[in-house]
PDB file of N, CA and C in Angstrom:
ATOM      1  N   MET A   1       8.726 -90.042  -2.001  1.00  0.00           N
ATOM      2  CA  MET A   1       7.294 -90.656  -2.125  1.00  0.00           C
ATOM      3  C   MET A   1       6.236 -89.642  -1.924  1.00  0.00           C
ATOM      4  N   ASP A   2       5.540 -89.714  -2.958  1.00  0.00           N
ATOM      5  CA  ASP A   2       3.939 -88.602  -2.621  1.00  0.00           C
ATOM      6  C   ASP A   2       3.190 -89.572  -2.334  1.00  0.00           C
ATOM      7  N   GLU A   3       2.387 -89.074  -1.387  1.00  0.00           N
ATOM      8  CA  GLU A   3       0.871 -89.605  -1.170  1.00  0.00           C
ATOM      9  C   GLU A   3      -0.045 -89.180  -2.394  1.00  0.00           C
ATOM     10  N   LYS A   4      -0.829 -89.910  -2.396  1.00  0.00           N
ATOM     11  CA  LYS A   4      -2.008 -89.817  -3.876  1.00  0.00           C
ATOM     12  C   LYS A   4      -3.177 -89.885  -3.260  1.00  0.00           C
ATOM     13  N   THR A   5      -3.906 -89.125  -3.677  1.00  0.00           N
ATOM     14  CA  THR A   5      -5.711 -90.005  -3.662  1.00  0.00           C
ATOM     15  C   THR A   5      -5.756 -90.791  -4.820  1.00  0.00           C
ATOM     16  N   LEU A   6      -6.766 -91.562  -4.397  1.00  0.00           N
ATOM     17  CA  LEU A   6      -6.992 -92.924  -5.472  1.00  0.00           C
ATOM     18  C   LEU A   6      -6.973 -92.534  -6.895  1.00  0.00           C
ATOM     19  N   ALA A   7      -7.460 -91.378  -7.135  1.00  0.00           N
ATOM     20  CA  ALA A   7      -8.052 -90.798  -8.356  1.00  0.00           C
ATOM     21  C   ALA A   7      -6.483 -90.666  -9.282  1.00  0.00           C
ATOM     22  N   GLU A   8      -5.667 -89.985  -8.317  1.00  0.00           N
ATOM     23  CA  GLU A   8      -4.316 -89.627  -8.931  1.00  0.00           C
ATOM     24  C   GLU A   8      -3.164 -90.786  -8.926  1.00  0.00           C
ATOM     25  N   PHE A   9      -3.573 -91.849  -7.963  1.00  0.00           N
ATOM     26  CA  PHE A   9      -2.763 -92.949  -8.110  1.00  0.00           C
ATOM     27  C   PHE A   9      -3.250 -93.843  -9.471  1.00  0.00           C
ATOM     28  N   LEU A  10      -4.452 -94.014  -9.683  1.00  0.00           N
ATOM     29  CA  LEU A  10      -4.627 -94.752 -10.818  1.00  0.00           C
ATOM     30  C   LEU A  10      -4.350 -93.920 -12.220  1.00  0.00           C
ATOM     31  N   THR A  11      -3.996 -92.490 -12.338  1.00  0.00           N
ATOM     32  CA  THR A  11      -3.494 -92.095 -13.437  1.00  0.00           C
ATOM     33  C   THR A  11      -1.949 -92.572 -13.753  1.00  0.00           C
ATOM     34  N   LEU A  12      -1.321 -93.300 -12.688  1.00  0.00           N
ATOM     35  CA  LEU A  12       0.042 -93.695 -12.800  1.00  0.00           C
ATOM     36  C   LEU A  12       0.028 -94.835 -13.830  1.00  0.00           C
ATOM     37  N   PHE A  13      -1.036 -95.717 -13.738  1.00  0.00           N
ATOM     38  CA  PHE A  13      -1.371 -96.975 -14.344  1.00  0.00           C
ATOM     39  C   PHE A  13      -2.366 -96.956 -15.657  1.00  0.00           C
ATOM     40  N   SER A  14      -2.298 -97.926 -16.587  1.00  0.00           N
ATOM     41  CA  SER A  14      -3.206 -97.929 -17.523  1.00  0.00           C
ATOM     42  C   SER A  14      -4.547 -98.198 -16.974  1.00  0.00           C
ATOM     43  N   PRO A  15      -5.393 -97.672 -17.748  1.00  0.00           N
ATOM     44  CA  PRO A  15      -6.961 -98.004 -17.334  1.00  0.00           C
ATOM     45  C   PRO A  15      -7.738 -99.001 -17.221  1.00  0.00           C
ATOM     46  N   SER A  16      -6.721-100.018 -17.997  1.00  0.00           N
ATOM     47  CA  SER A  16      -7.018-101.653 -17.925  1.00  0.00           C
ATOM     48  C   SER A  16      -6.961-102.459 -16.364  1.00  0.00           C
ATOM     49  N   LEU A  17      -5.996-101.648 -15.671  1.00  0.00           N
ATOM     50  CA  LEU A  17      -5.757-102.105 -14.477  1.00  0.00           C
ATOM     51  C   LEU A  17      -6.262-101.633 -13.271  1.00  0.00           C
ATOM     52  N   HIS A  18      -6.989-100.244 -13.440  1.00  0.00           N
ATOM     53  CA  HIS A  18      -7.903 -99.676 -12.515  1.00  0.00           C
ATOM     54  C   HIS A  18      -9.101-100.319 -11.507  1.00  0.00           C
ATOM     55  N   GLU A  19      -9.665-101.395 -12.092  1.00  0.00           N
ATOM     56  CA  GLU A  19     -10.225-102.024 -11.541  1.00  0.00           C
ATOM     57  C   GLU A  19      -9.757-102.972 -10.703  1.00  0.00           C
ATOM     58  N   SER A  20      -8.677-103.703 -10.924  1.00  0.00           N
ATOM     59  CA  SER A  20      -7.696-104.836 -10.296  1.00  0.00           C
ATOM     60  C   SER A  20      -7.038-104.235  -9.175  1.00  0.00           C
ATOM     61  N   LEU A  21      -6.497-102.633  -9.375  1.00  0.00           N
ATOM     62  CA  LEU A  21      -5.923-102.181  -8.141  1.00  0.00           C
ATOM     63  C   LEU A  21      -6.944-101.683  -7.411  1.00  0.00           C
ATOM     64  N   ILE A  22      -8.145-101.043  -7.608  1.00  0.00           N
ATOM     65  CA  ILE A  22      -9.073-101.007  -6.672  1.00  0.00           C
ATOM     66  C   ILE A  22      -9.488-102.063  -5.700  1.00  0.00           C
ATOM     67  N   LEU A  23      -9.769-103.454  -6.331  1.00  0.00           N
ATOM     68  CA  LEU A  23     -10.190-104.450  -5.573  1.00  0.00           C
ATOM     69  C   LEU A  23      -8.722-104.800  -4.715  1.00  0.00           C
ATOM     70  N   LEU A  24      -7.641-104.731  -5.600  1.00  0.00           N
ATOM     71  CA  LEU A  24      -6.574-104.963  -4.417  1.00  0.00           C
ATOM     72  C   LEU A  24      -6.570-104.332  -3.037  1.00  0.00           C
ATOM     73  N   LEU A  25      -6.807-103.047  -3.121  1.00  0.00           N
ATOM     74  CA  LEU A  25      -6.861-101.903  -2.024  1.00  0.00           C
ATOM     75  C   LEU A  25      -8.017-102.240  -1.368  1.00  0.00           C
ATOM     76  N   SER A  26      -9.075-103.046  -1.588  1.00  0.00           N
ATOM     77  CA  SER A  26      -9.895-103.236  -1.037  1.00  0.00           C
ATOM     78  C   SER A  26     -10.069-104.651  -0.114  1.00  0.00           C
ATOM     79  N   LYS A  27      -8.881-105.334  -0.436  1.00  0.00           N
ATOM     80  CA  LYS A  27      -8.679-106.747   0.391  1.00  0.00           C
ATOM     81  C   LYS A  27      -8.483-106.264   1.756  1.00  0.00           C
ATOM     82  N   GLU A  28      -8.875-107.202   2.467  1.00  0.00           N
ATOM     83  CA  GLU A  28      -8.664-107.562   3.939  1.00  0.00           C
ATOM     84  C   GLU A  28      -7.125-107.764   3.956  1.00  0.00           C
ATOM     85  N   GLY A  29      -6.384-106.954   4.871  1.00  0.00           N
ATOM     86  CA  GLY A  29      -4.925-106.830   5.149  1.00  0.00           C
ATOM     87  C   GLY A  29      -4.094-106.123   4.489  1.00  0.00           C
ATOM     88  N   VAL A  30      -4.732-105.042   3.447  1.00  0.00           N
ATOM     89  CA  VAL A  30      -3.964-104.139   2.603  1.00  0.00           C
ATOM     90  C   VAL A  30      -4.638-102.798   3.175  1.00  0.00           C
ATOM     91  N   ASP A  31      -3.645-101.975   3.708  1.00  0.00           N
ATOM     92  CA  ASP A  31      -3.707-100.565   3.660  1.00  0.00           C
ATOM     93  C   ASP A  31      -3.555 -99.903   2.913  1.00  0.00           C
ATOM     94  N   ALA A  32      -2.630-100.042   2.137  1.00  0.00           N
ATOM     95  CA  ALA A  32      -2.342 -98.927   1.071  1.00  0.00           C
ATOM     96  C   ALA A  32      -1.558 -99.760  -0.413  1.00  0.00           C
ATOM     97  N   LEU A  33      -1.516 -98.899  -1.232  1.00  0.00           N
ATOM     98  CA  LEU A  33      -0.922 -99.687  -2.409  1.00  0.00           C
ATOM     99  C   LEU A  33       0.449 -98.677  -2.925  1.00  0.00           C
ATOM    100  N   VAL A  34       1.781 -99.122  -3.136  1.00  0.00           N
ATOM    101  CA  VAL A  34       2.793 -98.281  -3.378  1.00  0.00           C
ATOM    102  C   VAL A  34       3.099 -98.392  -4.944  1.00  0.00           C
ATOM    103  N   CYS A  35       3.317 -97.313  -5.525  1.00  0.00           N
ATOM    104  CA  CYS A  35       3.671 -97.682  -7.062  1.00  0.00           C
ATOM    105  C   CYS A  35       5.338 -97.532  -6.873  1.00  0.00           C
ATOM    106  N   PHE A  36       5.995 -98.256  -7.748  1.00  0.00           N
ATOM    107  CA  PHE A  36       7.136 -98.599  -7.889  1.00  0.00           C
ATOM    108  C   PHE A  36       7.732 -98.085  -9.214  1.00  0.00           C
ATOM    109  N   GLU A  37       8.613 -97.378  -9.719  1.00  0.00           N
ATOM    110  CA  GLU A  37       8.908 -96.933 -10.839  1.00  0.00           C
ATOM    111  C   GLU A  37      10.308 -97.099 -11.477  1.00  0.00           C
ATOM    112  N   ASN A  38      10.511 -97.824 -12.481  1.00  0.00           N
ATOM    113  CA  ASN A  38      11.884 -97.696 -12.978  1.00  0.00           C
ATOM    114  C   ASN A  38      12.489 -96.489 -13.599  1.00  0.00           C
ATOM    115  N   LYS A  39      13.281 -95.932 -12.979  1.00  0.00           N
ATOM    116  CA  LYS A  39      13.922 -94.217 -13.122  1.00  0.00           C
ATOM    117  C   LYS A  39      15.200 -94.326 -13.965  1.00  0.00           C
ATOM    118  N   MET A  40      16.020 -95.578 -14.428  1.00  0.00           N
ATOM    119  CA  MET A  40      17.023 -95.668 -15.140  1.00  0.00           C
ATOM    120  C   MET A  40      16.947 -95.222 -16.472  1.00  0.00           C
ATOM    121  N   PHE A  41      17.183 -94.168 -16.950  1.00  0.00           N
ATOM    122  CA  PHE A  41      16.883 -93.708 -18.266  1.00  0.00           C
ATOM    123  C   PHE A  41      17.482 -94.650 -19.566  1.00  0.00           C
ATOM    124  N   ASP A  42      18.848 -95.200 -19.247  1.00  0.00           N
ATOM    125  CA  ASP A  42      19.390 -96.334 -20.300  1.00  0.00           C
ATOM    126  C   ASP A  42      18.897 -97.691 -20.227  1.00  0.00           C
ATOM    127  N   SER A  43      17.975 -97.721 -19.543  1.00  0.00           N
ATOM    128  CA  SER A  43      17.265 -99.119 -19.373  1.00  0.00           C
ATOM    129  C   SER A  43      16.217 -99.352 -20.218  1.00  0.00           C
ATOM    130  N   PRO A  44      16.277-100.341 -20.911  1.00  0.00           N
ATOM    131  CA  PRO A  44      15.019-100.716 -21.831  1.00  0.00           C
ATOM    132  C   PRO A  44      13.578-100.762 -20.999  1.00  0.00           C
ATOM    133  N   HIS A  45      13.728-100.968 -19.705  1.00  0.00           N
ATOM    134  CA  HIS A  45      12.874-101.047 -18.807  1.00  0.00           C
ATOM    135  C   HIS A  45      12.244 -99.437 -18.172  1.00  0.00           C
ATOM    136  N   PHE A  46      12.859 -98.501 -18.688  1.00  0.00           N
ATOM    137  CA  PHE A  46      12.597 -97.274 -18.210  1.00  0.00           C
ATOM    138  C   PHE A  46      11.259 -96.848 -17.862  1.00  0.00           C
ATOM    139  N   GLY A  47      10.231 -96.149 -17.097  1.00  0.00           N
ATOM    140  CA  GLY A  47       9.179 -95.837 -16.737  1.00  0.00           C
ATOM    141  C   GLY A  47       8.280 -97.199 -16.592  1.00  0.00           C
ATOM    142  N   GLU A  48       8.524 -98.477 -16.657  1.00  0.00           N
ATOM    143  CA  GLU A  48       7.597 -99.426 -16.358  1.00  0.00           C
ATOM    144  C   GLU A  48       7.406 -99.017 -14.724  1.00  0.00           C
ATOM    145  N   ARG A  49       6.431 -99.733 -14.441  1.00  0.00           N
ATOM    146  CA  ARG A  49       5.677 -99.224 -13.283  1.00  0.00           C
ATOM    147  C   ARG A  49       4.808-100.699 -12.363  1.00  0.00           C
ATOM    148  N   SER A  50       4.916-100.820 -11.283  1.00  0.00           N
ATOM    149  CA  SER A  50       4.546-102.019 -10.746  1.00  0.00           C
ATOM    150  C   SER A  50       3.755-101.440  -9.186  1.00  0.00           C
ATOM    151  N   ALA A  51       2.559-102.045  -8.642  1.00  0.00           N
ATOM    152  CA  ALA A  51       1.892-101.698  -7.624  1.00  0.00           C
ATOM    153  C   ALA A  51       2.197-102.835  -6.760  1.00  0.00           C
ATOM    154  N   LEU A  52       2.355-102.431  -5.383  1.00  0.00           N
ATOM    155  CA  LEU A  52       2.716-103.055  -4.425  1.00  0.00           C
ATOM    156  C   LEU A  52       1.882-102.917  -3.535  1.00  0.00           C
ATOM    157  N   ALA A  53       1.020-103.901  -2.797  1.00  0.00           N
ATOM    158  CA  ALA A  53       0.271-103.668  -1.832  1.00  0.00           C
ATOM    159  C   ALA A  53       1.047-104.137  -0.362  1.00  0.00           C
ATOM    160  N   VAL A  54       0.665-102.987   0.405  1.00  0.00           N
ATOM    161  CA  VAL A  54       1.297-102.973   2.017  1.00  0.00           C
ATOM    162  C   VAL A  54       0.419-103.159   2.938  1.00  0.00           C
ATOM    163  N   GLY A  55       0.494-103.926   4.322  1.00  0.00           N
ATOM    164  CA  GLY A  55      -0.384-104.012   5.194  1.00  0.00           C
ATOM    165  C   GLY A  55      -0.001-105.179   5.718  1.00  0.00           C
ATOM    166  N   PRO A  56      -0.623-105.274   6.886  1.00  0.00           N
ATOM    167  CA  PRO A  56      -0.873-106.240   8.018  1.00  0.00           C
ATOM    168  C   PRO A  56      -0.643-107.761   7.427  1.00  0.00           C
ATOM    169  N   GLY A  57      -1.202-108.008   6.299  1.00  0.00           N
ATOM    170  CA  GLY A  57      -1.295-109.355   5.884  1.00  0.00           C
ATOM    171  C   GLY A  57      -0.254-109.443   4.863  1.00  0.00           C
ATOM    172  N   CYS A  58       0.766-108.311   4.516  1.00  0.00           N
ATOM    173  CA  CYS A  58       1.503-108.316   3.647  1.00  0.00           C
ATOM    174  C   CYS A  58       2.656-108.020   3.767  1.00  0.00           C
ATOM    175  N   THR A  59       4.035-108.352   2.941  1.00  0.00           N
ATOM    176  CA  THR A  59       5.152-108.630   3.585  1.00  0.00           C
ATOM    177  C   THR A  59       5.778-107.217   4.169  1.00  0.00           C
ATOM    178  N   TYR A  60       5.389-106.174   3.512  1.00  0.00           N
ATOM    179  CA  TYR A  60       6.024-104.843   3.846  1.00  0.00           C
ATOM    180  C   TYR A  60       4.419-104.173   4.897  1.00  0.00           C
ATOM    181  N   LYS A  61       4.314-103.717   5.740  1.00  0.00           N
ATOM    182  CA  LYS A  61       3.558-103.438   6.594  1.00  0.00           C
ATOM    183  C   LYS A  61       2.753-101.890   6.486  1.00  0.00           C
ATOM    184  N   SER A  62       4.042-101.242   5.971  1.00  0.00           N
ATOM    185  CA  SER A  62       3.505 -99.676   5.752  1.00  0.00           C
ATOM    186  C   SER A  62       4.066 -99.377   4.568  1.00  0.00           C
ATOM    187  N   PRO A  63       3.684 -97.989   3.948  1.00  0.00           N
ATOM    188  CA  PRO A  63       4.364 -97.324   2.923  1.00  0.00           C
ATOM    189  C   PRO A  63       5.548 -97.098   3.587  1.00  0.00           C
ATOM    190  N   GLU A  64       5.849 -96.294   4.699  1.00  0.00           N
ATOM    191  CA  GLU A  64       6.935 -96.096   4.998  1.00  0.00           C
ATOM    192  C   GLU A  64       8.383 -97.000   5.152  1.00  0.00           C
ATOM    193  N   GLU A  65       7.793 -98.595   5.212  1.00  0.00           N
ATOM    194  CA  GLU A  65       8.826 -99.476   5.110  1.00  0.00           C
ATOM    195  C   GLU A  65       9.452 -99.872   3.867  1.00  0.00           C
ATOM    196  N   VAL A  66       8.709 -99.269   2.855  1.00  0.00           N
ATOM    197  CA  VAL A  66       9.394 -99.517   1.373  1.00  0.00           C
ATOM    198  C   VAL A  66      10.193 -98.331   1.009  1.00  0.00           C
ATOM    199  N   ARG A  67      10.643 -97.164   1.896  1.00  0.00           N
ATOM    200  CA  ARG A  67      11.379 -96.103   1.417  1.00  0.00           C
ATOM    201  C   ARG A  67      12.778 -96.858   1.556  1.00  0.00           C
ATOM    202  N   GLY A  68      13.637 -96.455   0.565  1.00  0.00           N
ATOM    203  CA  GLY A  68      15.142 -96.982   0.134  1.00  0.00           C
ATOM    204  C   GLY A  68      14.807 -98.511  -0.030  1.00  0.00           C
ATOM    205  N   ARG A  69      13.978 -99.125  -0.622  1.00  0.00           N
ATOM    206  CA  ARG A  69      13.829-100.633  -1.202  1.00  0.00           C
ATOM    207  C   ARG A  69      13.449-100.561  -2.646  1.00  0.00           C
ATOM    208  N   HIS A  70      13.761-101.498  -3.320  1.00  0.00           N
ATOM    209  CA  HIS A  70      13.561-101.688  -4.530  1.00  0.00           C
ATOM    210  C   HIS A  70      12.841-102.917  -4.914  1.00  0.00           C
ATOM    211  N   LEU A  71      12.537-103.007  -6.164  1.00  0.00           N
ATOM    212  CA  LEU A  71      11.724-104.262  -6.713  1.00  0.00           C
ATOM    213  C   LEU A  71      12.878-104.575  -7.831  1.00  0.00           C
ATOM    214  N   GLY A  72      13.049-105.943  -8.058  1.00  0.00           N
ATOM    215  CA  GLY A  72      14.054-106.109  -9.392  1.00  0.00           C
ATOM    216  C   GLY A  72      15.516-106.277  -8.875  1.00  0.00           C
ATOM    217  N   ASP A  73      16.164-107.411  -9.251  1.00  0.00           N
ATOM    218  CA  ASP A  73      17.330-107.881  -8.986  1.00  0.00           C
ATOM    219  C   ASP A  73      18.533-106.930  -9.686  1.00  0.00           C
ATOM    220  N   LEU A  74      18.272-107.070 -11.141  1.00  0.00           N
ATOM    221  CA  LEU A  74      19.370-106.375 -11.859  1.00  0.00           C
ATOM    222  C   LEU A  74      19.246-104.784 -11.800  1.00  0.00           C
ATOM    223  N   PRO A  75      20.093-103.920 -11.869  1.00  0.00           N
ATOM    224  CA  PRO A  75      20.136-102.568 -11.894  1.00  0.00           C
ATOM    225  C   PRO A  75      19.161-101.656 -12.801  1.00  0.00           C
ATOM    226  N   SER A  76      19.326-102.569 -14.091  1.00  0.00           N
ATOM    227  CA  SER A  76      18.363-101.907 -15.198  1.00  0.00           C
ATOM    228  C   SER A  76      16.919-102.449 -15.159  1.00  0.00           C
ATOM    229  N   GLN A  77      16.573-102.942 -14.079  1.00  0.00           N
ATOM    230  CA  GLN A  77      15.147-103.981 -13.925  1.00  0.00           C
ATOM    231  C   GLN A  77      14.695-102.969 -12.940  1.00  0.00           C
ATOM    232  N   ARG A  78      15.246-102.535 -11.752  1.00  0.00           N
ATOM    233  CA  ARG A  78      14.932-102.016 -10.391  1.00  0.00           C
ATOM    234  C   ARG A  78      14.010-100.848 -10.416  1.00  0.00           C
ATOM    235  N   LYS A  79      12.811-101.178  -9.579  1.00  0.00           N
ATOM    236  CA  LYS A  79      11.911-100.113  -9.658  1.00  0.00           C
ATOM    237  C   LYS A  79      11.918 -99.400  -8.194  1.00  0.00           C
ATOM    238  N   TYR A  80      11.666 -98.051  -8.338  1.00  0.00           N
ATOM    239  CA  TYR A  80      11.914 -97.442  -6.754  1.00  0.00           C
ATOM    240  C   TYR A  80      10.578 -97.002  -6.403  1.00  0.00           C
ATOM    241  N   PRO A  81      10.241 -96.786  -5.028  1.00  0.00           N
ATOM    242  CA  PRO A  81       8.847 -96.233  -5.025  1.00  0.00           C
ATOM    243  C   PRO A  81       8.748 -94.920  -5.094  1.00  0.00           C
ATOM    244  N   ILE A  82       7.812 -94.718  -5.599  1.00  0.00           N
ATOM    245  CA  ILE A  82       7.357 -93.060  -6.225  1.00  0.00           C
ATOM    246  C   ILE A  82       6.250 -92.414  -5.494  1.00  0.00           C
ATOM    247  N   ALA A  83       5.125 -93.360  -5.148  1.00  0.00           N
ATOM    248  CA  ALA A  83       4.114 -92.735  -4.622  1.00  0.00           C
ATOM    249  C   ALA A  83       3.107 -93.911  -3.930  1.00  0.00           C
ATOM    250  N   PHE A  84       2.189 -93.263  -3.057  1.00  0.00           N
ATOM    251  CA  PHE A  84       1.530 -94.693  -2.274  1.00  0.00           C
ATOM    252  C   PHE A  84       0.195 -93.695  -2.134  1.00  0.00           C
ATOM    253  N   VAL A  85      -0.979 -94.780  -2.283  1.00  0.00           N
ATOM    254  CA  VAL A  85      -2.443 -94.275  -1.648  1.00  0.00           C
ATOM    255  C   VAL A  85      -2.789 -95.305  -0.612  1.00  0.00           C
ATOM    256  N   THR A  86      -3.458 -94.464   0.671  1.00  0.00           N
ATOM    257  CA  THR A  86      -4.199 -95.457   1.398  1.00  0.00           C
ATOM    258  C   THR A  86      -5.281 -95.793   1.186  1.00  0.00           C
ATOM    259  N   ALA A  87      -5.776 -96.783   1.855  1.00  0.00           N
ATOM    260  CA  ALA A  87      -7.027 -97.315   1.641  1.00  0.00           C
ATOM    261  C   ALA A  87      -8.084 -96.182   2.182  1.00  0.00           C
ATOM    262  N   SER A  88      -7.888 -96.033   3.112  1.00  0.00           N
ATOM    263  CA  SER A  88      -8.586 -94.928   3.788  1.00  0.00           C
ATOM    264  C   SER A  88      -9.066 -93.668   2.866  1.00  0.00           C
ATOM    265  N   THR A  89      -8.492 -93.249   1.611  1.00  0.00           N
ATOM    266  CA  THR A  89      -8.426 -92.044   0.698  1.00  0.00           C
ATOM    267  C   THR A  89      -9.170 -92.486  -0.128  1.00  0.00           C
TER     268      THR A  89
END
């Protein structure tokens, strides 16, 4: 999982989401955003991405806590952490 600048992190998502992601990152209790991506080539969900807020006010407290974890129950829908940005960048 790579640490990105905010500009680099935003390129992972549609421009229509940029404002929402910036607002989420600026919320109290959010220290970072982690990008999760579906990496299963034969899945109809391949390439889909999600952003997850982490920090003291969230389920996961740091980007390190999400290493080895995934979003999604079914194997074809699972997204794995690929990058993060901290609120201080």
